[in-house]
C-alpha atoms as a PDB file:
ATOM      1  CA  MET A   1      12.222  -6.977 -13.624  1.00  0.00           C
ATOM      2  CA  PRO A   2      10.225 -10.109 -12.821  1.00  0.00           C
ATOM      3  CA  ARG A   3       7.794 -11.396 -15.360  1.00  0.00           C
ATOM      4  CA  ASP A   4       4.188 -10.443 -14.837  1.00  0.00           C
ATOM      5  CA  PHE A   5       1.815 -13.353 -14.342  1.00  0.00           C
ATOM      6  CA  PRO A   6      -1.852 -12.592 -15.009  1.00  0.00           C
ATOM      7  CA  ARG A   7      -3.208 -14.724 -12.146  1.00  0.00           C
ATOM      8  CA  THR A   8      -0.973 -13.150  -9.525  1.00  0.00           C
ATOM      9  CA  ARG A   9      -1.866  -9.706 -10.857  1.00  0.00           C
ATOM     10  CA  ARG A  10      -5.606 -10.466 -10.684  1.00  0.00           C
ATOM     11  CA  VAL A  11      -5.314 -11.880  -7.173  1.00  0.00           C
ATOM     12  CA  GLY A  12      -3.284  -8.828  -6.107  1.00  0.00           C
ATOM     13  CA  GLU A  13      -5.831  -6.405  -7.525  1.00  0.00           C
ATOM     14  CA  GLN A  14      -8.701  -8.216  -5.802  1.00  0.00           C
ATOM     15  CA  MET A  15      -6.758  -8.298  -2.536  1.00  0.00           C
ATOM     16  CA  GLN A  16      -6.119  -4.567  -2.853  1.00  0.00           C
ATOM     17  CA  ARG A  17      -9.828  -3.824  -3.168  1.00  0.00           C
ATOM     18  CA  GLU A  18     -10.825  -6.182  -0.355  1.00  0.00           C
ATOM     19  CA  LEU A  19      -8.071  -5.018   2.018  1.00  0.00           C
ATOM     20  CA  ALA A  20      -8.955  -1.366   1.508  1.00  0.00           C
ATOM     21  CA  ALA A  21     -12.543  -2.105   2.528  1.00  0.00           C
ATOM     22  CA  LEU A  22     -11.514  -4.334   5.457  1.00  0.00           C
ATOM     23  CA  ILE A  23      -9.068  -1.795   6.862  1.00  0.00           C
ATOM     24  CA  ARG A  24     -11.653   0.952   6.587  1.00  0.00           C
ATOM     25  CA  THR A  25     -14.513  -0.997   8.203  1.00  0.00           C
ATOM     26  CA  ASP A  26     -13.135  -3.749  10.437  1.00  0.00           C
ATOM     27  CA  ILE A  27     -10.033  -2.369  12.160  1.00  0.00           C
ATOM     28  CA  LYS A  28     -11.237  -0.220  15.033  1.00  0.00           C
ATOM     29  CA  ASP A  29      -7.912   0.965  16.453  1.00  0.00           C
ATOM     30  CA  PRO A  30      -8.153   4.749  16.981  1.00  0.00           C
ATOM     31  CA  ARG A  31      -4.378   5.141  16.452  1.00  0.00           C
ATOM     32  CA  LEU A  32      -4.689   3.944  12.862  1.00  0.00           C
ATOM     33  CA  GLY A  33      -4.379   6.899  10.519  1.00  0.00           C
ATOM     34  CA  MET A  34      -5.872   7.505   7.095  1.00  0.00           C
ATOM     35  CA  VAL A  35      -4.489   4.447   5.292  1.00  0.00           C
ATOM     36  CA  THR A  36      -4.563   3.937   1.532  1.00  0.00           C
ATOM     37  CA  VAL A  37      -3.679   0.579  -0.005  1.00  0.00           C
ATOM     38  CA  SER A  38      -1.723   1.643  -3.068  1.00  0.00           C
ATOM     39  CA  ALA A  39      -0.671  -1.777  -4.400  1.00  0.00           C
ATOM     40  CA  VAL A  40      -0.450  -5.471  -3.581  1.00  0.00           C
ATOM     41  CA  GLN A  41       2.375  -7.557  -5.000  1.00  0.00           C
ATOM     42  CA  VAL A  42       1.735 -11.312  -4.792  1.00  0.00           C
ATOM     43  CA  SER A  43       4.465 -13.925  -5.176  1.00  0.00           C
ATOM     44  CA  ARG A  44       4.173 -16.482  -7.977  1.00  0.00           C
ATOM     45  CA  ASP A  45       3.259 -19.307  -5.622  1.00  0.00           C
ATOM     46  CA  LEU A  46       0.601 -17.125  -3.917  1.00  0.00           C
ATOM     47  CA  GLY A  47       2.305 -17.710  -0.581  1.00  0.00           C
ATOM     48  CA  HIS A  48       3.229 -14.135   0.298  1.00  0.00           C
ATOM     49  CA  ALA A  49       1.867 -10.705  -0.526  1.00  0.00           C
ATOM     50  CA  LYS A  50       3.505  -7.327  -0.005  1.00  0.00           C
ATOM     51  CA  VAL A  51       0.832  -4.759   0.710  1.00  0.00           C
ATOM     52  CA  TYR A  52       2.037  -1.233  -0.065  1.00  0.00           C
ATOM     53  CA  ILE A  53       0.286   1.424   1.978  1.00  0.00           C
ATOM     54  CA  SER A  54       0.473   5.176   2.282  1.00  0.00           C
ATOM     55  CA  VAL A  55      -0.556   7.006   5.427  1.00  0.00           C
ATOM     56  CA  LEU A  56      -1.652  10.583   5.834  1.00  0.00           C
ATOM     57  CA  GLY A  57       0.513  12.147   8.536  1.00  0.00           C
ATOM     58  CA  ASP A  58       4.055  12.330   9.809  1.00  0.00           C
ATOM     59  CA  THR A  59       6.575   9.509  10.117  1.00  0.00           C
ATOM     60  CA  GLU A  60       5.375   8.615  13.616  1.00  0.00           C
ATOM     61  CA  ALA A  61       1.822   8.097  12.336  1.00  0.00           C
ATOM     62  CA  GLN A  62       3.217   5.993   9.496  1.00  0.00           C
ATOM     63  CA  GLN A  63       5.184   3.758  11.854  1.00  0.00           C
ATOM     64  CA  ILE A  64       2.243   3.319  14.236  1.00  0.00           C
ATOM     65  CA  SER A  65      -0.094   2.457  11.355  1.00  0.00           C
ATOM     66  CA  LEU A  66       2.405  -0.080  10.000  1.00  0.00           C
ATOM     67  CA  GLN A  67       2.710  -1.721  13.419  1.00  0.00           C
ATOM     68  CA  ILE A  68      -1.065  -1.918  13.805  1.00  0.00           C
ATOM     69  CA  LEU A  69      -1.538  -3.418  10.360  1.00  0.00           C
ATOM     70  CA  ASN A  70       1.270  -5.944  10.787  1.00  0.00           C
ATOM     71  CA  LYS A  71      -0.268  -7.054  14.096  1.00  0.00           C
ATOM     72  CA  ALA A  72      -3.690  -7.330  12.429  1.00  0.00           C
ATOM     73  CA  ALA A  73      -2.297  -9.263   9.440  1.00  0.00           C
ATOM     74  CA  GLY A  74      -3.655 -12.585  10.721  1.00  0.00           C
ATOM     75  CA  PHE A  75      -7.115 -11.140  11.256  1.00  0.00           C
ATOM     76  CA  LEU A  76      -7.077  -9.524   7.804  1.00  0.00           C
ATOM     77  CA  ARG A  77      -5.845 -12.743   6.190  1.00  0.00           C
ATOM     78  CA  HIS A  78      -8.691 -14.692   7.793  1.00  0.00           C
ATOM     79  CA  ALA A  79     -11.240 -12.109   6.660  1.00  0.00           C
ATOM     80  CA  LEU A  80      -9.786 -12.209   3.129  1.00  0.00           C
ATOM     81  CA  GLY A  81     -10.135 -15.997   3.159  1.00  0.00           C
ATOM     82  CA  GLN A  82     -13.836 -15.652   3.831  1.00  0.00           C
ATOM     83  CA  GLN A  83     -14.355 -13.135   1.016  1.00  0.00           C
ATOM     84  CA  MET A  84     -12.055 -14.427  -1.724  1.00  0.00           C
ATOM     85  CA  ILE A  85     -12.345 -17.702  -3.576  1.00  0.00           C
ATOM     86  CA  VAL A  86      -8.769 -18.978  -3.482  1.00  0.00           C
ATOM     87  CA  ARG A  87      -7.285 -22.184  -2.147  1.00  0.00           C
ATOM     88  CA  SER A  88      -4.987 -20.375   0.272  1.00  0.00           C
ATOM     89  CA  VAL A  89      -4.674 -16.732   1.174  1.00  0.00           C
ATOM     90  CA  PRO A  90      -1.121 -15.341   1.058  1.00  0.00           C
ATOM     91  CA  GLN A  91       0.637 -14.152   4.186  1.00  0.00           C
ATOM     92  CA  LEU A  92       0.392 -10.381   4.380  1.00  0.00           C
ATOM     93  CA  HIS A  93       3.447  -8.161   4.788  1.00  0.00           C
ATOM     94  CA  PHE A  94       2.660  -4.443   5.072  1.00  0.00           C
ATOM     95  CA  VAL A  95       5.239  -2.022   3.630  1.00  0.00           C
ATOM     96  CA  TYR A  96       5.191   1.765   3.525  1.00  0.00           C
ATOM     97  CA  ASP A  97       4.944   3.047  -0.065  1.00  0.00           C
ATOM     98  CA  GLU A  98       7.374   5.922  -0.555  1.00  0.00           C
ATOM     99  CA  SER A  99       6.513   6.529  -4.208  1.00  0.00           C
ATOM    100  CA  ILE A 100       3.948   9.241  -3.447  1.00  0.00           C
ATOM    101  CA  GLU A 101       6.413  11.272  -1.351  1.00  0.00           C
ATOM    102  CA  ARG A 102       9.151  10.730  -3.930  1.00  0.00           C
ATOM    103  CA  GLY A 103       6.809  11.899  -6.695  1.00  0.00           C
ATOM    104  CA  SER A 104       5.850  15.062  -4.826  1.00  0.00           C
ATOM    105  CA  ARG A 105       9.533  15.849  -4.142  1.00  0.00           C
ATOM    106  CA  LEU A 106      10.382  15.397  -7.826  1.00  0.00           C
ATOM    107  CA  SER A 107       7.431  17.555  -8.818  1.00  0.00           C
ATOM    108  CA  ALA A 108       8.587  20.297  -6.455  1.00  0.00           C
ATOM    109  CA  LEU A 109      12.115  20.089  -7.874  1.00  0.00           C
ATOM    110  CA  ILE A 110      10.805  20.340 -11.438  1.00  0.00           C
ATOM    111  CA  ASP A 111       8.614  23.320 -10.513  1.00  0.00           C
ATOM    112  CA  ALA A 112      11.595  25.030  -8.874  1.00  0.00           C
ATOM    113  CA  ALA A 113      13.774  24.403 -11.946  1.00  0.00           C
ATOM    114  CA  VAL A 114      11.105  25.776 -14.292  1.00  0.00           C
ATOM    115  CA  LYS A 115      10.653  28.830 -12.078  1.00  0.00           C
ATOM    116  CA  SER A 116      14.416  29.364 -12.001  1.00  0.00           C
ATOM    117  CA  ASP A 117      14.628  29.081 -15.810  1.00  0.00           C
ATOM    118  CA  ARG A 118      11.827  31.623 -16.225  1.00  0.00           C
ATOM    119  CA  HIS A 119      13.546  33.954 -13.786  1.00  0.00           C
ATOM    120  CA  ASP A 120      16.856  33.636 -15.689  1.00  0.00           C
ATOM    121  CA  GLU A 121      15.125  34.443 -18.998  1.00  0.00           C
ATOM    122  CA  ASP A 122      13.659  37.676 -17.629  1.00  0.00           C
END
């Protein structure tokens, strides 16, 4: 696991807050679904940032939202540059965050196992 650097973490957290607001208010594409910025991982040199998003909807809505956000990355980067006080704003790379789906699947499996154990005890 890479070492955690406090500055990159702070910049990532600020970018997460700012991007969530920018996506909600400034991107007017009606195809864009309900997008949540779950995390931003910034490289040590602050040159690149992976923006993890989750989208409410099916896989088609997720893919369309990712395409829209990747096309709007330049616009969002420029808007971030106006709001944040950093020498250079990292290039944005949007990635779908699968951790929420994986967590719900694991939770369902655990619930099913507990229910099966209770049924076996009876």
